[in-house]
Structures are given as C-alpha cells and as structure tokens.
Amino acid sequence: MKNEVIEGRYCKWMHIENGNTIVRRVHRIEVQGKDGRLYVLEDDGLPDTVVMNTGVGYRGHHLAQVLLDPNPTLGRERVQQVDNVWPNGRDALHVSIGFMGLLVIRALAYGVSAFASGLHEAVLRTTSW
C-alpha cells in the first residue's frame, strides 16, 4: 500500500526472482507509450504496488502485475497536448503531392498510349499485305 514517509509518497516495487524477493520504494515511474510520449507517475498517480516475477512466461501466468488504487488516477504527461486541427499544413501538402503524382501518371499513360498507337500505325504502313 502507498505509505507516507518523510520523502513523500511512494509505491512498493517487488522483484521476485528464483524465490528471492527484493522490495524497493519508488517515488517516480516514467512510462513511454507506443506513440513515443513519456508519462510520469508521481505522488497520487502512483499505483499501490508493482510486482515483477521473472522467469519463463506461459499462458495463464503473468510476469508483471500492477495493483492500482480502487479509484485509479492518471499520471501527468510530460509532453503537452496539442490540439490537432484537421486538415493541417502537412495534410494539405500530402494531398497536393498525391494529386500531382496522379497527374504525372495520367500524362505518362497518355504518352505511352499515343506512342504505342503511332508505332502500331507505322507497323501497319510498312507491312501492308
């Protein structure tokens, strides 16, 4: 459980390996999400206990458990949220590049078609039966 000490609030971190248990006090936890953001858990945002069991994991057995408060709290984010308005400048640039790419492909297809048509007519003129 979360305890009050002179240094402030902490969570109990238990590391269990081969029957040996190590218990530590953690005052700050930093977690990097899939999107690259760094989430910082401190004070009231800390879970009560984190239990790490090392060993070979298999279905039905956990290697890590996080025991949260009955009323979970979210940690503070180190990165500030930015309102993503859509479409932004990058989106408009990608759309315009895509449109120009389609025009170039269409022009190349028309040129190849015209060349093939002219080549076909030239072949027909030279091999008139």
Protein backbone atom coordinates (compact mmCIF):
# COMPACT_ATOMS: atom_id res chain seq x y z
CA MET A 1 0.00 0.00 0.00
CA LYS A 2 1.04 3.57 -0.56
CA ASN A 3 2.72 4.94 2.54
CA GLU A 4 3.56 8.41 3.77
CA VAL A 5 7.20 8.94 4.67
CA ILE A 6 9.35 12.00 5.11
CA GLU A 7 10.40 11.88 1.44
CA GLY A 8 6.76 11.84 0.21
CA ARG A 9 4.51 9.18 -1.27
CA TYR A 10 5.92 6.06 -2.88
CA CYS A 11 4.78 2.76 -4.32
CA LYS A 12 6.07 -0.64 -3.24
CA TRP A 13 8.12 -2.30 -6.01
CA MET A 14 8.60 -6.05 -5.51
CA HIS A 15 11.01 -8.01 -7.68
CA ILE A 16 10.75 -11.79 -7.26
CA GLU A 17 13.37 -13.99 -8.90
CA ASN A 18 14.09 -17.66 -8.10
CA GLY A 19 12.38 -17.35 -4.73
CA ASN A 20 14.38 -14.25 -3.73
CA THR A 21 12.31 -11.14 -3.11
CA ILE A 22 13.62 -7.59 -3.30
CA VAL A 23 11.35 -4.76 -2.14
CA ARG A 24 12.09 -1.16 -3.05
CA ARG A 25 10.36 2.20 -2.67
CA VAL A 26 9.71 4.00 -5.94
CA HIS A 27 8.84 7.71 -5.83
CA ARG A 28 8.51 8.26 -9.59
CA ILE A 29 7.64 5.98 -12.52
CA GLU A 30 8.18 7.02 -16.14
CA VAL A 31 6.42 5.02 -18.86
CA GLN A 32 6.93 5.57 -22.58
CA GLY A 33 3.80 4.81 -24.62
CA LYS A 34 3.60 3.33 -28.10
CA ASP A 35 3.17 6.82 -29.52
CA GLY A 36 6.50 7.92 -28.01
CA ARG A 37 5.02 10.08 -25.25
CA LEU A 38 6.56 9.90 -21.82
CA TYR A 39 4.05 9.53 -18.97
CA VAL A 40 5.23 10.42 -15.48
CA LEU A 41 3.54 8.94 -12.40
CA GLU A 42 4.24 10.70 -9.11
CA ASP A 43 2.53 11.25 -5.76
CA ASP A 44 -1.19 10.43 -6.07
CA GLY A 45 -0.74 8.99 -9.58
CA LEU A 46 1.47 6.14 -8.34
CA PRO A 47 -0.02 2.65 -8.07
CA ASP A 48 -0.03 0.95 -4.67
CA THR A 49 2.22 -1.94 -5.68
CA VAL A 50 4.19 -3.20 -8.67
CA VAL A 51 5.12 -6.90 -8.60
CA MET A 52 7.69 -8.29 -11.07
CA ASN A 53 8.09 -12.08 -11.34
CA THR A 54 10.98 -13.11 -13.55
CA GLY A 55 11.06 -16.46 -15.26
CA VAL A 56 9.70 -18.19 -18.30
CA GLY A 57 6.22 -16.91 -19.08
CA TYR A 58 3.49 -19.09 -20.50
CA ARG A 59 -0.22 -18.73 -20.98
CA GLY A 60 -2.08 -18.08 -17.74
CA HIS A 61 0.95 -16.88 -15.76
CA HIS A 62 1.91 -13.21 -15.59
CA LEU A 63 5.42 -11.83 -15.49
CA ALA A 64 4.37 -8.37 -14.27
CA GLN A 65 1.41 -7.16 -12.24
CA VAL A 66 0.43 -3.61 -11.35
CA LEU A 67 -2.02 -3.25 -8.46
CA LEU A 68 -3.82 0.09 -8.68
CA ASP A 69 -5.93 2.05 -6.22
CA PRO A 70 -9.67 1.32 -6.20
CA ASN A 71 -10.14 4.72 -7.85
CA PRO A 72 -7.31 4.84 -10.42
CA THR A 73 -5.72 8.16 -11.22
CA LEU A 74 -3.90 9.14 -14.38
CA GLY A 75 -0.30 10.27 -14.31
CA ARG A 76 0.81 13.63 -15.56
CA GLU A 77 2.12 13.82 -19.08
CA ARG A 78 5.50 15.37 -19.66
CA VAL A 79 4.58 16.23 -23.25
CA GLN A 80 1.87 18.86 -23.57
CA GLN A 81 -1.19 18.01 -25.60
CA VAL A 82 -1.52 19.91 -28.86
CA ASP A 83 -4.89 20.37 -30.49
CA ASN A 84 -4.62 18.62 -33.83
CA VAL A 85 -6.83 20.53 -36.21
CA TRP A 86 -7.55 18.74 -39.44
CA PRO A 87 -6.51 19.32 -42.16
CA ASN A 88 -3.25 20.89 -41.15
CA GLY A 89 -0.45 22.07 -43.44
CA ARG A 90 1.19 18.65 -43.63
CA ASP A 91 -2.08 17.01 -44.70
CA ALA A 92 -2.64 19.62 -47.41
CA LEU A 93 0.93 19.08 -48.67
CA HIS A 94 0.42 15.30 -48.87
CA VAL A 95 -2.88 15.72 -50.73
CA SER A 96 -1.31 18.12 -53.25
CA ILE A 97 1.70 15.80 -53.79
CA GLY A 98 -0.68 12.87 -54.34
CA PHE A 99 -2.75 14.89 -56.82
CA MET A 100 0.37 15.94 -58.74
CA GLY A 101 1.55 12.31 -58.76
CA LEU A 102 -1.77 11.20 -60.27
CA LEU A 103 -1.49 13.88 -62.97
CA VAL A 104 2.04 12.74 -63.84
CA ILE A 105 0.95 9.08 -64.02
CA ARG A 106 -2.00 10.06 -66.23
CA ALA A 107 0.25 12.08 -68.55
CA LEU A 108 2.74 9.20 -68.79
CA ALA A 109 -0.05 6.75 -69.56
CA TYR A 110 -1.41 9.07 -72.28
CA GLY A 111 2.10 9.46 -73.75
CA VAL A 112 2.72 5.72 -73.78
CA SER A 113 -0.70 5.16 -75.34
CA ALA A 114 -0.03 7.75 -78.06
CA PHE A 115 3.41 6.32 -78.74
CA ALA A 116 2.02 2.80 -78.99
CA SER A 117 -0.76 3.97 -81.30
CA GLY A 118 1.75 5.75 -83.58
CA LEU A 119 4.03 2.73 -83.54
CA HIS A 120 1.12 0.47 -84.42
CA GLU A 121 0.16 2.68 -87.39
CA ALA A 122 3.79 2.76 -88.58
CA VAL A 123 3.98 -1.03 -88.43
CA LEU A 124 0.73 -1.33 -90.38
CA ARG A 125 2.05 1.02 -93.10
CA THR A 126 5.30 -0.88 -93.51
CA THR A 127 3.73 -4.31 -93.56
CA SER A 128 0.76 -3.78 -95.80
CA TRP A 129 -0.21 -7.12 -97.22
